[in-house]
Amino acid sequence: MESVVGRSEFTDKLQSAGDKLVIADFYADWCAPCKMVGPKFAELIKNFPDVVILTINLDDNEELGQDYGIESMPTFVLLKHSEVVATYVGTNMDKLKKVIEQQLNPL
């Protein structure tokens, strides 16, 4: 997991990901659901070693939150080639896992 600060750093990370799936984890330090899901998300992503994980603290990155229409947290935005392919809002890691698997193994 890599923390991102600023639009330009986020853009650089997306470009350097190449063909890999990127998950942008939008959170805030004061967000109780974010704190609850953090360790579960860290455990979940161990199953996906080829996925790039970017964590974005909305208190430090309001402009990125606006760019991606983040209205509640935690929000996970999945991107390929810098394009949004899926978004998951919530704390159910089983549902998030299915969303990730669908993007890694499209029908």
PDB file of N, CA and C in Angstrom:
ATOM      1  N   MET A   1       0.848  -1.181   0.000  1.00  0.00           N
ATOM      2  CA  MET A   1       0.000   0.000   0.000  1.00  0.00           C
ATOM      3  C   MET A   1       0.884   1.231   0.000  1.00  0.00           C
ATOM      4  N   GLU A   2       0.516   2.160  -0.840  1.00  0.00           N
ATOM      5  CA  GLU A   2       1.259   3.409  -0.908  1.00  0.00           C
ATOM      6  C   GLU A   2       0.322   4.571  -0.631  1.00  0.00           C
ATOM      7  N   SER A   3       0.737   5.459   0.254  1.00  0.00           N
ATOM      8  CA  SER A   3      -0.038   6.665   0.513  1.00  0.00           C
ATOM      9  C   SER A   3       0.230   7.671  -0.594  1.00  0.00           C
ATOM     10  N   VAL A   4      -0.813   8.383  -0.979  1.00  0.00           N
ATOM     11  CA  VAL A   4      -0.705   9.363  -2.052  1.00  0.00           C
ATOM     12  C   VAL A   4      -1.118  10.726  -1.517  1.00  0.00           C
ATOM     13  N   VAL A   5      -0.341  11.735  -1.860  1.00  0.00           N
ATOM     14  CA  VAL A   5      -0.696  13.102  -1.516  1.00  0.00           C
ATOM     15  C   VAL A   5      -0.653  13.927  -2.793  1.00  0.00           C
ATOM     16  N   GLY A   6      -1.800  14.419  -3.194  1.00  0.00           N
ATOM     17  CA  GLY A   6      -1.862  15.313  -4.341  1.00  0.00           C
ATOM     18  C   GLY A   6      -2.231  14.643  -5.649  1.00  0.00           C
ATOM     19  N   ARG A   7      -2.835  15.447  -6.487  1.00  0.00           N
ATOM     20  CA  ARG A   7      -3.310  14.984  -7.788  1.00  0.00           C
ATOM     21  C   ARG A   7      -2.171  14.518  -8.683  1.00  0.00           C
ATOM     22  N   SER A   8      -1.061  15.246  -8.694  1.00  0.00           N
ATOM     23  CA  SER A   8       0.035  14.872  -9.591  1.00  0.00           C
ATOM     24  C   SER A   8       0.684  13.557  -9.170  1.00  0.00           C
ATOM     25  N   GLU A   9       0.853  13.335  -7.865  1.00  0.00           N
ATOM     26  CA  GLU A   9       1.418  12.068  -7.400  1.00  0.00           C
ATOM     27  C   GLU A   9       0.469  10.916  -7.748  1.00  0.00           C
ATOM     28  N   PHE A  10      -0.830  11.131  -7.587  1.00  0.00           N
ATOM     29  CA  PHE A  10      -1.812  10.110  -7.926  1.00  0.00           C
ATOM     30  C   PHE A  10      -1.728   9.770  -9.414  1.00  0.00           C
ATOM     31  N   THR A  11      -1.666  10.781 -10.253  1.00  0.00           N
ATOM     32  CA  THR A  11      -1.561  10.564 -11.702  1.00  0.00           C
ATOM     33  C   THR A  11      -0.294   9.797 -12.050  1.00  0.00           C
ATOM     34  N   ASP A  12       0.818  10.160 -11.419  1.00  0.00           N
ATOM     35  CA  ASP A  12       2.086   9.453 -11.656  1.00  0.00           C
ATOM     36  C   ASP A  12       1.971   7.977 -11.277  1.00  0.00           C
ATOM     37  N   LYS A  13       1.358   7.692 -10.138  1.00  0.00           N
ATOM     38  CA  LYS A  13       1.210   6.300  -9.675  1.00  0.00           C
ATOM     39  C   LYS A  13       0.309   5.505 -10.623  1.00  0.00           C
ATOM     40  N   LEU A  14      -0.761   6.148 -11.117  1.00  0.00           N
ATOM     41  CA  LEU A  14      -1.639   5.463 -12.060  1.00  0.00           C
ATOM     42  C   LEU A  14      -0.899   5.123 -13.344  1.00  0.00           C
ATOM     43  N   GLN A  15      -0.114   6.066 -13.839  1.00  0.00           N
ATOM     44  CA  GLN A  15       0.628   5.830 -15.072  1.00  0.00           C
ATOM     45  C   GLN A  15       1.684   4.751 -14.896  1.00  0.00           C
ATOM     46  N   SER A  16       2.352   4.736 -13.756  1.00  0.00           N
ATOM     47  CA  SER A  16       3.402   3.748 -13.533  1.00  0.00           C
ATOM     48  C   SER A  16       2.833   2.345 -13.283  1.00  0.00           C
ATOM     49  N   ALA A  17       1.530   2.239 -13.012  1.00  0.00           N
ATOM     50  CA  ALA A  17       0.912   0.931 -12.787  1.00  0.00           C
ATOM     51  C   ALA A  17       0.784   0.126 -14.079  1.00  0.00           C
ATOM     52  N   GLY A  18       0.845   0.800 -15.218  1.00  0.00           N
ATOM     53  CA  GLY A  18       0.754   0.101 -16.493  1.00  0.00           C
ATOM     54  C   GLY A  18      -0.567  -0.630 -16.646  1.00  0.00           C
ATOM     55  N   ASP A  19      -0.493  -1.951 -16.902  1.00  0.00           N
ATOM     56  CA  ASP A  19      -1.684  -2.764 -17.129  1.00  0.00           C
ATOM     57  C   ASP A  19      -2.307  -3.300 -15.844  1.00  0.00           C
ATOM     58  N   LYS A  20      -1.690  -3.025 -14.719  1.00  0.00           N
ATOM     59  CA  LYS A  20      -2.182  -3.572 -13.448  1.00  0.00           C
ATOM     60  C   LYS A  20      -3.461  -2.871 -12.997  1.00  0.00           C
ATOM     61  N   LEU A  21      -4.257  -3.629 -12.251  1.00  0.00           N
ATOM     62  CA  LEU A  21      -5.429  -3.057 -11.604  1.00  0.00           C
ATOM     63  C   LEU A  21      -4.955  -2.220 -10.426  1.00  0.00           C
ATOM     64  N   VAL A  22      -5.531  -1.026 -10.282  1.00  0.00           N
ATOM     65  CA  VAL A  22      -5.208  -0.131  -9.170  1.00  0.00           C
ATOM     66  C   VAL A  22      -6.457   0.025  -8.308  1.00  0.00           C
ATOM     67  N   ILE A  23      -6.280  -0.094  -6.997  1.00  0.00           N
ATOM     68  CA  ILE A  23      -7.374   0.192  -6.068  1.00  0.00           C
ATOM     69  C   ILE A  23      -6.991   1.424  -5.271  1.00  0.00           C
ATOM     70  N   ALA A  24      -7.803   2.468  -5.409  1.00  0.00           N
ATOM     71  CA  ALA A  24      -7.613   3.687  -4.632  1.00  0.00           C
ATOM     72  C   ALA A  24      -8.544   3.612  -3.429  1.00  0.00           C
ATOM     73  N   ASP A  25      -7.958   3.567  -2.246  1.00  0.00           N
ATOM     74  CA  ASP A  25      -8.695   3.466  -0.983  1.00  0.00           C
ATOM     75  C   ASP A  25      -8.831   4.869  -0.406  1.00  0.00           C
ATOM     76  N   PHE A  26     -10.027   5.449  -0.526  1.00  0.00           N
ATOM     77  CA  PHE A  26     -10.293   6.783   0.006  1.00  0.00           C
ATOM     78  C   PHE A  26     -10.807   6.649   1.440  1.00  0.00           C
ATOM     79  N   TYR A  27     -10.133   7.324   2.372  1.00  0.00           N
ATOM     80  CA  TYR A  27     -10.468   7.201   3.791  1.00  0.00           C
ATOM     81  C   TYR A  27     -10.168   8.516   4.507  1.00  0.00           C
ATOM     82  N   ALA A  28     -10.487   8.558   5.795  1.00  0.00           N
ATOM     83  CA  ALA A  28     -10.094   9.667   6.666  1.00  0.00           C
ATOM     84  C   ALA A  28      -9.728   9.068   8.025  1.00  0.00           C
ATOM     85  N   ASP A  29      -8.773   9.681   8.691  1.00  0.00           N
ATOM     86  CA  ASP A  29      -8.318   9.172   9.991  1.00  0.00           C
ATOM     87  C   ASP A  29      -9.426   9.161  11.039  1.00  0.00           C
ATOM     88  N   TRP A  30     -10.367  10.093  10.957  1.00  0.00           N
ATOM     89  CA  TRP A  30     -11.437  10.207  11.951  1.00  0.00           C
ATOM     90  C   TRP A  30     -12.628   9.292  11.648  1.00  0.00           C
ATOM     91  N   CYS A  31     -12.608   8.619  10.508  1.00  0.00           N
ATOM     92  CA  CYS A  31     -13.732   7.798  10.038  1.00  0.00           C
ATOM     93  C   CYS A  31     -13.736   6.442  10.748  1.00  0.00           C
ATOM     94  N   ALA A  32     -14.729   6.212  11.613  1.00  0.00           N
ATOM     95  CA  ALA A  32     -14.803   4.954  12.368  1.00  0.00           C
ATOM     96  C   ALA A  32     -14.901   3.723  11.460  1.00  0.00           C
ATOM     97  N   PRO A  33     -15.763   3.716  10.414  1.00  0.00           N
ATOM     98  CA  PRO A  33     -15.801   2.550   9.534  1.00  0.00           C
ATOM     99  C   PRO A  33     -14.459   2.310   8.823  1.00  0.00           C
ATOM    100  N   CYS A  34     -13.757   3.386   8.495  1.00  0.00           N
ATOM    101  CA  CYS A  34     -12.442   3.247   7.848  1.00  0.00           C
ATOM    102  C   CYS A  34     -11.463   2.545   8.786  1.00  0.00           C
ATOM    103  N   LYS A  35     -11.477   2.944  10.058  1.00  0.00           N
ATOM    104  CA  LYS A  35     -10.594   2.319  11.051  1.00  0.00           C
ATOM    105  C   LYS A  35     -10.936   0.844  11.228  1.00  0.00           C
ATOM    106  N   MET A  36     -12.226   0.537  11.196  1.00  0.00           N
ATOM    107  CA  MET A  36     -12.668  -0.836  11.379  1.00  0.00           C
ATOM    108  C   MET A  36     -12.236  -1.709  10.190  1.00  0.00           C
ATOM    109  N   VAL A  37     -12.371  -1.179   8.990  1.00  0.00           N
ATOM    110  CA  VAL A  37     -12.119  -1.981   7.795  1.00  0.00           C
ATOM    111  C   VAL A  37     -10.635  -2.031   7.409  1.00  0.00           C
ATOM    112  N   GLY A  38      -9.836  -1.099   7.900  1.00  0.00           N
ATOM    113  CA  GLY A  38      -8.423  -1.033   7.522  1.00  0.00           C
ATOM    114  C   GLY A  38      -7.677  -2.352   7.639  1.00  0.00           C
ATOM    115  N   PRO A  39      -7.672  -2.993   8.807  1.00  0.00           N
ATOM    116  CA  PRO A  39      -6.959  -4.269   8.940  1.00  0.00           C
ATOM    117  C   PRO A  39      -7.546  -5.379   8.063  1.00  0.00           C
ATOM    118  N   LYS A  40      -8.865  -5.379   7.892  1.00  0.00           N
ATOM    119  CA  LYS A  40      -9.505  -6.389   7.045  1.00  0.00           C
ATOM    120  C   LYS A  40      -9.104  -6.193   5.586  1.00  0.00           C
ATOM    121  N   PHE A  41      -9.037  -4.926   5.153  1.00  0.00           N
ATOM    122  CA  PHE A  41      -8.624  -4.627   3.785  1.00  0.00           C
ATOM    123  C   PHE A  41      -7.168  -5.038   3.571  1.00  0.00           C
ATOM    124  N   ALA A  42      -6.312  -4.743   4.545  1.00  0.00           N
ATOM    125  CA  ALA A  42      -4.897  -5.130   4.452  1.00  0.00           C
ATOM    126  C   ALA A  42      -4.754  -6.642   4.312  1.00  0.00           C
ATOM    127  N   GLU A  43      -5.592  -7.382   5.016  1.00  0.00           N
ATOM    128  CA  GLU A  43      -5.567  -8.848   4.923  1.00  0.00           C
ATOM    129  C   GLU A  43      -6.099  -9.310   3.564  1.00  0.00           C
ATOM    130  N   LEU A  44      -7.172  -8.696   3.099  1.00  0.00           N
ATOM    131  CA  LEU A  44      -7.775  -9.061   1.820  1.00  0.00           C
ATOM    132  C   LEU A  44      -6.792  -8.893   0.663  1.00  0.00           C
ATOM    133  N   ILE A  45      -6.084  -7.781   0.645  1.00  0.00           N
ATOM    134  CA  ILE A  45      -5.239  -7.513  -0.520  1.00  0.00           C
ATOM    135  C   ILE A  45      -4.018  -8.420  -0.603  1.00  0.00           C
ATOM    136  N   LYS A  46      -3.724  -9.139   0.461  1.00  0.00           N
ATOM    137  CA  LYS A  46      -2.641 -10.120   0.383  1.00  0.00           C
ATOM    138  C   LYS A  46      -2.954 -11.193  -0.659  1.00  0.00           C
ATOM    139  N   ASN A  47      -4.244 -11.396  -0.945  1.00  0.00           N
ATOM    140  CA  ASN A  47      -4.668 -12.361  -1.951  1.00  0.00           C
ATOM    141  C   ASN A  47      -4.447 -11.872  -3.380  1.00  0.00           C
ATOM    142  N   PHE A  48      -4.098 -10.596  -3.533  1.00  0.00           N
ATOM    143  CA  PHE A  48      -3.966  -9.991  -4.856  1.00  0.00           C
ATOM    144  C   PHE A  48      -2.617  -9.266  -4.976  1.00  0.00           C
ATOM    145  N   PRO A  49      -1.514 -10.028  -5.055  1.00  0.00           N
ATOM    146  CA  PRO A  49      -0.190  -9.402  -5.056  1.00  0.00           C
ATOM    147  C   PRO A  49       0.105  -8.536  -6.284  1.00  0.00           C
ATOM    148  N   ASP A  50      -0.626  -8.737  -7.374  1.00  0.00           N
ATOM    149  CA  ASP A  50      -0.365  -7.961  -8.587  1.00  0.00           C
ATOM    150  C   ASP A  50      -1.210  -6.698  -8.680  1.00  0.00           C
ATOM    151  N   VAL A  51      -2.023  -6.430  -7.654  1.00  0.00           N
ATOM    152  CA  VAL A  51      -2.857  -5.234  -7.640  1.00  0.00           C
ATOM    153  C   VAL A  51      -2.104  -4.111  -6.928  1.00  0.00           C
ATOM    154  N   VAL A  52      -2.156  -2.922  -7.513  1.00  0.00           N
ATOM    155  CA  VAL A  52      -1.518  -1.746  -6.912  1.00  0.00           C
ATOM    156  C   VAL A  52      -2.526  -1.081  -5.982  1.00  0.00           C
ATOM    157  N   ILE A  53      -2.132  -0.870  -4.725  1.00  0.00           N
ATOM    158  CA  ILE A  53      -3.017  -0.260  -3.733  1.00  0.00           C
ATOM    159  C   ILE A  53      -2.505   1.137  -3.402  1.00  0.00           C
ATOM    160  N   LEU A  54      -3.380   2.125  -3.567  1.00  0.00           N
ATOM    161  CA  LEU A  54      -3.057   3.502  -3.230  1.00  0.00           C
ATOM    162  C   LEU A  54      -4.034   3.974  -2.159  1.00  0.00           C
ATOM    163  N   THR A  55      -3.518   4.471  -1.054  1.00  0.00           N
ATOM    164  CA  THR A  55      -4.382   4.976   0.013  1.00  0.00           C
ATOM    165  C   THR A  55      -4.393   6.501  -0.054  1.00  0.00           C
ATOM    166  N   ILE A  56      -5.588   7.057   0.040  1.00  0.00           N
ATOM    167  CA  ILE A  56      -5.758   8.495  -0.120  1.00  0.00           C
ATOM    168  C   ILE A  56      -6.557   9.037   1.053  1.00  0.00           C
ATOM    169  N   ASN A  57      -5.882   9.796   1.913  1.00  0.00           N
ATOM    170  CA  ASN A  57      -6.527  10.438   3.051  1.00  0.00           C
ATOM    171  C   ASN A  57      -7.262  11.667   2.531  1.00  0.00           C
ATOM    172  N   LEU A  58      -8.579  11.656   2.638  1.00  0.00           N
ATOM    173  CA  LEU A  58      -9.372  12.753   2.079  1.00  0.00           C
ATOM    174  C   LEU A  58      -9.139  14.083   2.780  1.00  0.00           C
ATOM    175  N   ASP A  59      -8.700  14.055   4.021  1.00  0.00           N
ATOM    176  CA  ASP A  59      -8.405  15.313   4.707  1.00  0.00           C
ATOM    177  C   ASP A  59      -7.218  16.025   4.053  1.00  0.00           C
ATOM    178  N   ASP A  60      -6.323  15.253   3.453  1.00  0.00           N
ATOM    179  CA  ASP A  60      -5.148  15.822   2.785  1.00  0.00           C
ATOM    180  C   ASP A  60      -5.326  15.934   1.281  1.00  0.00           C
ATOM    181  N   ASN A  61      -6.391  15.356   0.751  1.00  0.00           N
ATOM    182  CA  ASN A  61      -6.572  15.265  -0.702  1.00  0.00           C
ATOM    183  C   ASN A  61      -8.016  15.546  -1.109  1.00  0.00           C
ATOM    184  N   GLU A  62      -8.533  16.675  -0.672  1.00  0.00           N
ATOM    185  CA  GLU A  62      -9.921  17.006  -0.989  1.00  0.00           C
ATOM    186  C   GLU A  62     -10.175  17.043  -2.485  1.00  0.00           C
ATOM    187  N   GLU A  63      -9.193  17.539  -3.251  1.00  0.00           N
ATOM    188  CA  GLU A  63      -9.381  17.659  -4.698  1.00  0.00           C
ATOM    189  C   GLU A  63      -9.547  16.288  -5.353  1.00  0.00           C
ATOM    190  N   LEU A  64      -8.829  15.283  -4.871  1.00  0.00           N
ATOM    191  CA  LEU A  64      -8.989  13.934  -5.423  1.00  0.00           C
ATOM    192  C   LEU A  64     -10.363  13.368  -5.060  1.00  0.00           C
ATOM    193  N   GLY A  65     -10.819  13.648  -3.861  1.00  0.00           N
ATOM    194  CA  GLY A  65     -12.154  13.226  -3.473  1.00  0.00           C
ATOM    195  C   GLY A  65     -13.211  13.833  -4.377  1.00  0.00           C
ATOM    196  N   GLN A  66     -13.038  15.096  -4.715  1.00  0.00           N
ATOM    197  CA  GLN A  66     -13.967  15.764  -5.626  1.00  0.00           C
ATOM    198  C   GLN A  66     -13.857  15.180  -7.031  1.00  0.00           C
ATOM    199  N   ASP A  67     -12.633  14.916  -7.484  1.00  0.00           N
ATOM    200  CA  ASP A  67     -12.420  14.349  -8.823  1.00  0.00           C
ATOM    201  C   ASP A  67     -13.166  13.034  -9.003  1.00  0.00           C
ATOM    202  N   TYR A  68     -13.214  12.237  -7.942  1.00  0.00           N
ATOM    203  CA  TYR A  68     -13.812  10.911  -8.026  1.00  0.00           C
ATOM    204  C   TYR A  68     -15.190  10.828  -7.363  1.00  0.00           C
ATOM    205  N   GLY A  69     -15.755  11.968  -7.005  1.00  0.00           N
ATOM    206  CA  GLY A  69     -17.114  12.012  -6.477  1.00  0.00           C
ATOM    207  C   GLY A  69     -17.301  11.250  -5.180  1.00  0.00           C
ATOM    208  N   ILE A  70     -16.295  11.290  -4.306  1.00  0.00           N
ATOM    209  CA  ILE A  70     -16.374  10.559  -3.047  1.00  0.00           C
ATOM    210  C   ILE A  70     -17.334  11.281  -2.109  1.00  0.00           C
ATOM    211  N   GLU A  71     -18.392  10.557  -1.704  1.00  0.00           N
ATOM    212  CA  GLU A  71     -19.402  11.144  -0.826  1.00  0.00           C
ATOM    213  C   GLU A  71     -19.469  10.475   0.538  1.00  0.00           C
ATOM    214  N   SER A  72     -18.926   9.255   0.647  1.00  0.00           N
ATOM    215  CA  SER A  72     -18.885   8.573   1.933  1.00  0.00           C
ATOM    216  C   SER A  72     -17.655   7.676   1.970  1.00  0.00           C
ATOM    217  N   MET A  73     -17.329   7.231   3.171  1.00  0.00           N
ATOM    218  CA  MET A  73     -16.100   6.448   3.336  1.00  0.00           C
ATOM    219  C   MET A  73     -16.379   5.209   4.166  1.00  0.00           C
ATOM    220  N   PRO A  74     -15.596   4.178   3.940  1.00  0.00           N
ATOM    221  CA  PRO A  74     -14.539   4.097   2.946  1.00  0.00           C
ATOM    222  C   PRO A  74     -15.107   3.855   1.545  1.00  0.00           C
ATOM    223  N   THR A  75     -14.412   4.403   0.552  1.00  0.00           N
ATOM    224  CA  THR A  75     -14.743   4.172  -0.848  1.00  0.00           C
ATOM    225  C   THR A  75     -13.511   3.614  -1.533  1.00  0.00           C
ATOM    226  N   PHE A  76     -13.703   2.551  -2.290  1.00  0.00           N
ATOM    227  CA  PHE A  76     -12.632   1.908  -3.039  1.00  0.00           C
ATOM    228  C   PHE A  76     -12.924   2.105  -4.523  1.00  0.00           C
ATOM    229  N   VAL A  77     -12.016   2.788  -5.217  1.00  0.00           N
ATOM    230  CA  VAL A  77     -12.175   3.035  -6.644  1.00  0.00           C
ATOM    231  C   VAL A  77     -11.169   2.150  -7.368  1.00  0.00           C
ATOM    232  N   LEU A  78     -11.663   1.316  -8.286  1.00  0.00           N
ATOM    233  CA  LEU A  78     -10.808   0.421  -9.056  1.00  0.00           C
ATOM    234  C   LEU A  78     -10.578   1.031 -10.426  1.00  0.00           C
ATOM    235  N   LEU A  79      -9.304   1.073 -10.827  1.00  0.00           N
ATOM    236  CA  LEU A  79      -8.941   1.707 -12.089  1.00  0.00           C
ATOM    237  C   LEU A  79      -8.030   0.801 -12.914  1.00  0.00           C
ATOM    238  N   LYS A  80      -8.192   0.885 -14.217  1.00  0.00           N
ATOM    239  CA  LYS A  80      -7.275   0.248 -15.169  1.00  0.00           C
ATOM    240  C   LYS A  80      -6.943   1.302 -16.209  1.00  0.00           C
ATOM    241  N   HIS A  81      -5.669   1.449 -16.496  1.00  0.00           N
ATOM    242  CA  HIS A  81      -5.215   2.453 -17.470  1.00  0.00           C
ATOM    243  C   HIS A  81      -5.781   3.827 -17.127  1.00  0.00           C
ATOM    244  N   SER A  82      -5.797   4.159 -15.838  1.00  0.00           N
ATOM    245  CA  SER A  82      -6.256   5.451 -15.307  1.00  0.00           C
ATOM    246  C   SER A  82      -7.762   5.680 -15.456  1.00  0.00           C
ATOM    247  N   GLU A  83      -8.501   4.677 -15.894  1.00  0.00           N
ATOM    248  CA  GLU A  83      -9.952   4.802 -16.056  1.00  0.00           C
ATOM    249  C   GLU A  83     -10.658   4.017 -14.957  1.00  0.00           C
ATOM    250  N   VAL A  84     -11.705   4.603 -14.392  1.00  0.00           N
ATOM    251  CA  VAL A  84     -12.489   3.921 -13.358  1.00  0.00           C
ATOM    252  C   VAL A  84     -13.249   2.758 -13.998  1.00  0.00           C
ATOM    253  N   VAL A  85     -13.067   1.569 -13.430  1.00  0.00           N
ATOM    254  CA  VAL A  85     -13.772   0.384 -13.928  1.00  0.00           C
ATOM    255  C   VAL A  85     -14.806  -0.117 -12.916  1.00  0.00           C
ATOM    256  N   ALA A  86     -14.672   0.276 -11.660  1.00  0.00           N
ATOM    257  CA  ALA A  86     -15.635  -0.116 -10.627  1.00  0.00           C
ATOM    258  C   ALA A  86     -15.412   0.732  -9.386  1.00  0.00           C
ATOM    259  N   THR A  87     -16.456   0.856  -8.598  1.00  0.00           N
ATOM    260  CA  THR A  87     -16.381   1.562  -7.315  1.00  0.00           C
ATOM    261  C   THR A  87     -17.150   0.744  -6.290  1.00  0.00           C
ATOM    262  N   TYR A  88     -16.579   0.626  -5.107  1.00  0.00           N
ATOM    263  CA  TYR A  88     -17.273  -0.050  -4.008  1.00  0.00           C
ATOM    264  C   TYR A  88     -17.230   0.860  -2.782  1.00  0.00           C
ATOM    265  N   VAL A  89     -18.390   1.117  -2.201  1.00  0.00           N
ATOM    266  CA  VAL A  89     -18.499   1.921  -0.985  1.00  0.00           C
ATOM    267  C   VAL A  89     -18.991   1.002   0.119  1.00  0.00           C
ATOM    268  N   GLY A  90     -18.228   0.927   1.205  1.00  0.00           N
ATOM    269  CA  GLY A  90     -18.681   0.125   2.329  1.00  0.00           C
ATOM    270  C   GLY A  90     -17.580  -0.662   2.985  1.00  0.00           C
ATOM    271  N   THR A  91     -17.991  -1.517   3.918  1.00  0.00           N
ATOM    272  CA  THR A  91     -17.030  -2.244   4.742  1.00  0.00           C
ATOM    273  C   THR A  91     -17.095  -3.753   4.568  1.00  0.00           C
ATOM    274  N   ASN A  92     -17.934  -4.250   3.668  1.00  0.00           N
ATOM    275  CA  ASN A  92     -18.066  -5.687   3.459  1.00  0.00           C
ATOM    276  C   ASN A  92     -16.933  -6.164   2.538  1.00  0.00           C
ATOM    277  N   MET A  93     -15.917  -6.765   3.132  1.00  0.00           N
ATOM    278  CA  MET A  93     -14.747  -7.172   2.362  1.00  0.00           C
ATOM    279  C   MET A  93     -15.034  -8.344   1.427  1.00  0.00           C
ATOM    280  N   ASP A  94     -16.051  -9.156   1.721  1.00  0.00           N
ATOM    281  CA  ASP A  94     -16.435 -10.224   0.802  1.00  0.00           C
ATOM    282  C   ASP A  94     -16.968  -9.629  -0.504  1.00  0.00           C
ATOM    283  N   LYS A  95     -17.767  -8.583  -0.382  1.00  0.00           N
ATOM    284  CA  LYS A  95     -18.287  -7.914  -1.584  1.00  0.00           C
ATOM    285  C   LYS A  95     -17.162  -7.239  -2.351  1.00  0.00           C
ATOM    286  N   LEU A  96     -16.248  -6.585  -1.641  1.00  0.00           N
ATOM    287  CA  LEU A  96     -15.124  -5.939  -2.315  1.00  0.00           C
ATOM    288  C   LEU A  96     -14.270  -6.984  -3.029  1.00  0.00           C
ATOM    289  N   LYS A  97     -14.059  -8.114  -2.398  1.00  0.00           N
ATOM    290  CA  LYS A  97     -13.270  -9.187  -3.022  1.00  0.00           C
ATOM    291  C   LYS A  97     -13.898  -9.617  -4.336  1.00  0.00           C
ATOM    292  N   LYS A  98     -15.221  -9.735  -4.374  1.00  0.00           N
ATOM    293  CA  LYS A  98     -15.906 -10.115  -5.609  1.00  0.00           C
ATOM    294  C   LYS A  98     -15.732  -9.056  -6.686  1.00  0.00           C
ATOM    295  N   VAL A  99     -15.792  -7.799  -6.308  1.00  0.00           N
ATOM    296  CA  VAL A  99     -15.598  -6.713  -7.272  1.00  0.00           C
ATOM    297  C   VAL A  99     -14.185  -6.782  -7.855  1.00  0.00           C
ATOM    298  N   ILE A 100     -13.202  -7.016  -7.010  1.00  0.00           N
ATOM    299  CA  ILE A 100     -11.816  -7.123  -7.471  1.00  0.00           C
ATOM    300  C   ILE A 100     -11.669  -8.315  -8.412  1.00  0.00           C
ATOM    301  N   GLU A 101     -12.207  -9.456  -8.014  1.00  0.00           N
ATOM    302  CA  GLU A 101     -12.108 -10.666  -8.844  1.00  0.00           C
ATOM    303  C   GLU A 101     -12.762 -10.472 -10.193  1.00  0.00           C
ATOM    304  N   GLN A 102     -13.897  -9.760 -10.235  1.00  0.00           N
ATOM    305  CA  GLN A 102     -14.562  -9.496 -11.513  1.00  0.00           C
ATOM    306  C   GLN A 102     -13.686  -8.678 -12.435  1.00  0.00           C
ATOM    307  N   GLN A 103     -12.918  -7.755 -11.871  1.00  0.00           N
ATOM    308  CA  GLN A 103     -12.042  -6.923 -12.700  1.00  0.00           C
ATOM    309  C   GLN A 103     -10.790  -7.668 -13.153  1.00  0.00           C
ATOM    310  N   LEU A 104     -10.324  -8.589 -12.321  1.00  0.00           N
ATOM    311  CA  LEU A 104      -9.133  -9.359 -12.676  1.00  0.00           C
ATOM    312  C   LEU A 104      -9.459 -10.494 -13.638  1.00  0.00           C
ATOM    313  N   ASN A 105     -10.686 -11.004 -13.565  1.00  0.00           N
ATOM    314  CA  ASN A 105     -11.092 -12.145 -14.393  1.00  0.00           C
ATOM    315  C   ASN A 105     -12.415 -11.846 -15.086  1.00  0.00           C
ATOM    316  N   PRO A 106     -12.426 -10.865 -16.010  1.00  0.00           N
ATOM    317  CA  PRO A 106     -13.688 -10.544 -16.673  1.00  0.00           C
ATOM    318  C   PRO A 106     -14.172 -11.718 -17.525  1.00  0.00           C
ATOM    319  N   LEU A 107     -15.473 -11.815 -17.657  1.00  0.00           N
ATOM    320  CA  LEU A 107     -16.058 -12.917 -18.443  1.00  0.00           C
ATOM    321  C   LEU A 107     -15.806 -12.722 -19.922  1.00  0.00           C
TER     322      LEU A 107
END
